Amino acid sequence: MTDLESVLKASLERASSHSKKVYGKNPLTAQEVLDLANSRALMLAATVRPGGRPHLSPTDIVAVDGRLYLGVDVATARHKNLKQNPAITVMMADGWKRQAILEGKVTFLEMTSEKAKAVREAQRKKYGWITDALAELSVEKAFTWKQ
């Protein structure tokens, strides 16, 4: 079982009765979460400002080699927030067809690494652009749903 599969299963096991009722009926598999990340679904990221207030913004996400990556330009509030606090919640929503809420932490990539090169290529293929910083998402809690 992959890390993401383990997180998906453990999150449902520890969920409240309400969350189990909503997200336990038809959850996405780990592969379906990765496929959703590489789709053109709506992607939002919530971070925490230095003063503790939440910050929500659209984000770009790609899956490469079974891992999730976010594009984070250096000039953005998201970059500043994640540098001081790596906690993040991401929502990916393909209307009412597929949804995923992922909580975790990010680690910024060294932009000269082979991993960053592969992620930038995935970004370019999906979006037509690349960002000047990249972060790998380590998922700690996840709730998903599909029709």
Protein backbone atom coordinates (compact mmCIF):
# COMPACT_ATOMS: atom_id res chain seq x y z
CA MET A 1 0.00 0.00 0.00
CA THR A 2 1.36 3.42 -0.94
CA ASP A 3 1.70 6.27 1.54
CA LEU A 4 -1.32 8.02 0.03
CA GLU A 5 -3.42 4.85 0.17
CA SER A 6 -2.47 4.44 3.84
CA VAL A 7 -3.41 8.05 4.60
CA LEU A 8 -6.76 7.70 2.80
CA LYS A 9 -7.61 4.57 4.78
CA ALA A 10 -6.39 5.90 8.15
CA SER A 11 -8.21 9.22 7.68
CA LEU A 12 -11.54 7.43 7.23
CA GLU A 13 -10.87 5.14 10.19
CA ARG A 14 -10.25 8.13 12.49
CA ALA A 15 -13.03 10.31 11.01
CA SER A 16 -16.08 11.54 12.85
CA SER A 17 -19.33 9.69 12.22
CA HIS A 18 -20.46 12.57 9.98
CA SER A 19 -17.27 12.51 7.89
CA LYS A 20 -17.45 8.72 7.60
CA LYS A 21 -21.04 9.04 6.38
CA VAL A 22 -20.13 11.68 3.77
CA TYR A 23 -16.69 10.52 2.61
CA GLY A 24 -16.84 6.81 3.36
CA LYS A 25 -19.51 5.91 0.80
CA ASN A 26 -17.49 6.24 -2.38
CA PRO A 27 -13.94 7.49 -1.73
CA LEU A 28 -11.30 7.94 -4.39
CA THR A 29 -8.40 5.52 -4.58
CA ALA A 30 -4.87 6.86 -4.33
CA GLN A 31 -4.50 6.57 -8.10
CA GLU A 32 -7.75 8.48 -8.61
CA VAL A 33 -6.43 11.28 -6.37
CA LEU A 34 -3.28 11.47 -8.49
CA ASP A 35 -5.39 11.46 -11.67
CA LEU A 36 -7.52 14.27 -10.24
CA ALA A 37 -4.36 16.27 -9.52
CA ASN A 38 -3.35 15.96 -13.16
CA SER A 39 -6.80 16.96 -14.42
CA ARG A 40 -8.09 20.46 -15.08
CA ALA A 41 -10.23 20.46 -11.92
CA LEU A 42 -10.43 23.46 -9.60
CA MET A 43 -7.43 23.48 -7.24
CA LEU A 44 -7.37 25.65 -4.09
CA ALA A 45 -4.74 25.94 -1.37
CA ALA A 46 -5.27 27.23 2.16
CA THR A 47 -2.23 28.43 4.10
CA VAL A 48 -1.73 30.38 7.32
CA ARG A 49 -0.53 33.97 7.33
CA PRO A 50 2.20 34.93 9.84
CA GLY A 51 -0.46 36.55 12.06
CA GLY A 52 -2.55 33.37 12.09
CA ARG A 53 -5.26 34.39 9.61
CA PRO A 54 -6.11 31.94 6.82
CA HIS A 55 -5.15 32.58 3.21
CA LEU A 56 -6.95 30.84 0.33
CA SER A 57 -5.79 30.96 -3.26
CA PRO A 58 -6.04 29.02 -6.50
CA THR A 59 -3.05 26.77 -7.03
CA ASP A 60 -1.55 24.50 -9.59
CA ILE A 61 -0.96 20.89 -8.63
CA VAL A 62 0.61 18.04 -10.54
CA ALA A 63 1.30 14.42 -9.69
CA VAL A 64 4.67 13.00 -10.72
CA ASP A 65 5.85 9.49 -9.84
CA GLY A 66 3.05 9.03 -7.32
CA ARG A 67 3.74 12.27 -5.43
CA LEU A 68 1.89 15.60 -5.38
CA TYR A 69 3.58 18.93 -6.14
CA LEU A 70 2.41 22.54 -5.98
CA GLY A 71 3.68 25.43 -8.01
CA VAL A 72 4.41 28.37 -5.71
CA ASP A 73 5.81 31.57 -7.16
CA VAL A 74 8.23 33.34 -4.84
CA ALA A 75 6.39 36.69 -5.06
CA THR A 76 3.13 35.27 -3.65
CA ALA A 77 1.61 35.32 -0.19
CA ARG A 78 1.36 31.50 -0.39
CA HIS A 79 5.16 31.25 -0.71
CA LYS A 80 5.72 33.61 2.23
CA ASN A 81 3.15 31.73 4.32
CA LEU A 82 4.57 28.28 3.55
CA LYS A 83 8.13 29.40 4.26
CA GLN A 84 7.13 30.40 7.81
CA ASN A 85 4.60 27.56 8.31
CA PRO A 86 4.59 24.55 5.93
CA ALA A 87 1.04 23.50 6.88
CA ILE A 88 -1.40 23.46 3.98
CA THR A 89 -4.85 22.23 3.02
CA VAL A 90 -5.61 21.61 -0.63
CA MET A 91 -8.98 21.06 -2.24
CA MET A 92 -9.31 19.59 -5.70
CA ALA A 93 -12.84 19.61 -7.11
CA ASP A 94 -14.10 18.41 -10.46
CA GLY A 95 -17.57 19.80 -9.90
CA TRP A 96 -19.64 17.16 -8.12
CA LYS A 97 -17.91 14.30 -9.94
CA ARG A 98 -14.73 14.05 -7.84
CA GLN A 99 -13.45 15.91 -4.82
CA ALA A 100 -10.44 15.62 -2.53
CA ILE A 101 -9.48 17.57 0.58
CA LEU A 102 -5.85 16.97 1.54
CA GLU A 103 -4.12 18.26 4.66
CA GLY A 104 -0.40 18.11 5.17
CA LYS A 105 2.90 19.90 4.95
CA VAL A 106 5.08 20.99 2.09
CA THR A 107 8.79 20.78 1.49
CA PHE A 108 10.28 23.08 -1.12
CA LEU A 109 12.31 21.44 -3.85
CA GLU A 110 15.82 22.42 -4.87
CA MET A 111 15.03 23.93 -8.26
CA THR A 112 18.17 22.49 -9.91
CA SER A 113 17.26 18.91 -8.93
CA GLU A 114 16.13 16.21 -11.36
CA LYS A 115 12.86 15.97 -9.41
CA ALA A 116 12.19 19.68 -9.97
CA LYS A 117 12.97 19.28 -13.66
CA ALA A 118 10.38 16.48 -13.97
CA VAL A 119 7.78 18.48 -12.03
CA ARG A 120 8.35 21.57 -14.18
CA GLU A 121 7.81 19.46 -17.30
CA ALA A 122 4.54 18.15 -15.86
CA GLN A 123 3.50 21.75 -15.07
CA ARG A 124 4.36 22.90 -18.58
CA LYS A 125 2.39 20.01 -20.10
CA LYS A 126 -0.68 20.61 -17.91
CA TYR A 127 -0.76 24.40 -17.65
CA GLY A 128 1.52 25.76 -20.37
CA TRP A 129 3.74 27.52 -17.82
CA ILE A 130 6.10 26.81 -14.94
CA THR A 131 6.50 28.43 -11.54
CA ASP A 132 9.73 29.68 -10.01
CA ALA A 133 9.34 27.52 -6.88
CA LEU A 134 7.95 24.03 -6.30
CA ALA A 135 6.83 22.25 -3.16
CA GLU A 136 6.15 18.58 -2.51
CA LEU A 137 2.98 17.88 -0.53
CA SER A 138 3.22 15.24 2.20
CA VAL A 139 -0.39 14.29 2.85
CA GLU A 140 -1.25 13.63 6.52
CA LYS A 141 -5.06 13.55 6.31
CA ALA A 142 -7.38 13.15 3.35
CA PHE A 143 -11.07 12.93 2.58
CA THR A 144 -12.26 12.19 -0.94
CA TRP A 145 -15.49 11.54 -2.75
CA LYS A 146 -16.69 10.55 -6.21
CA GLN A 147 -20.05 9.97 -7.88
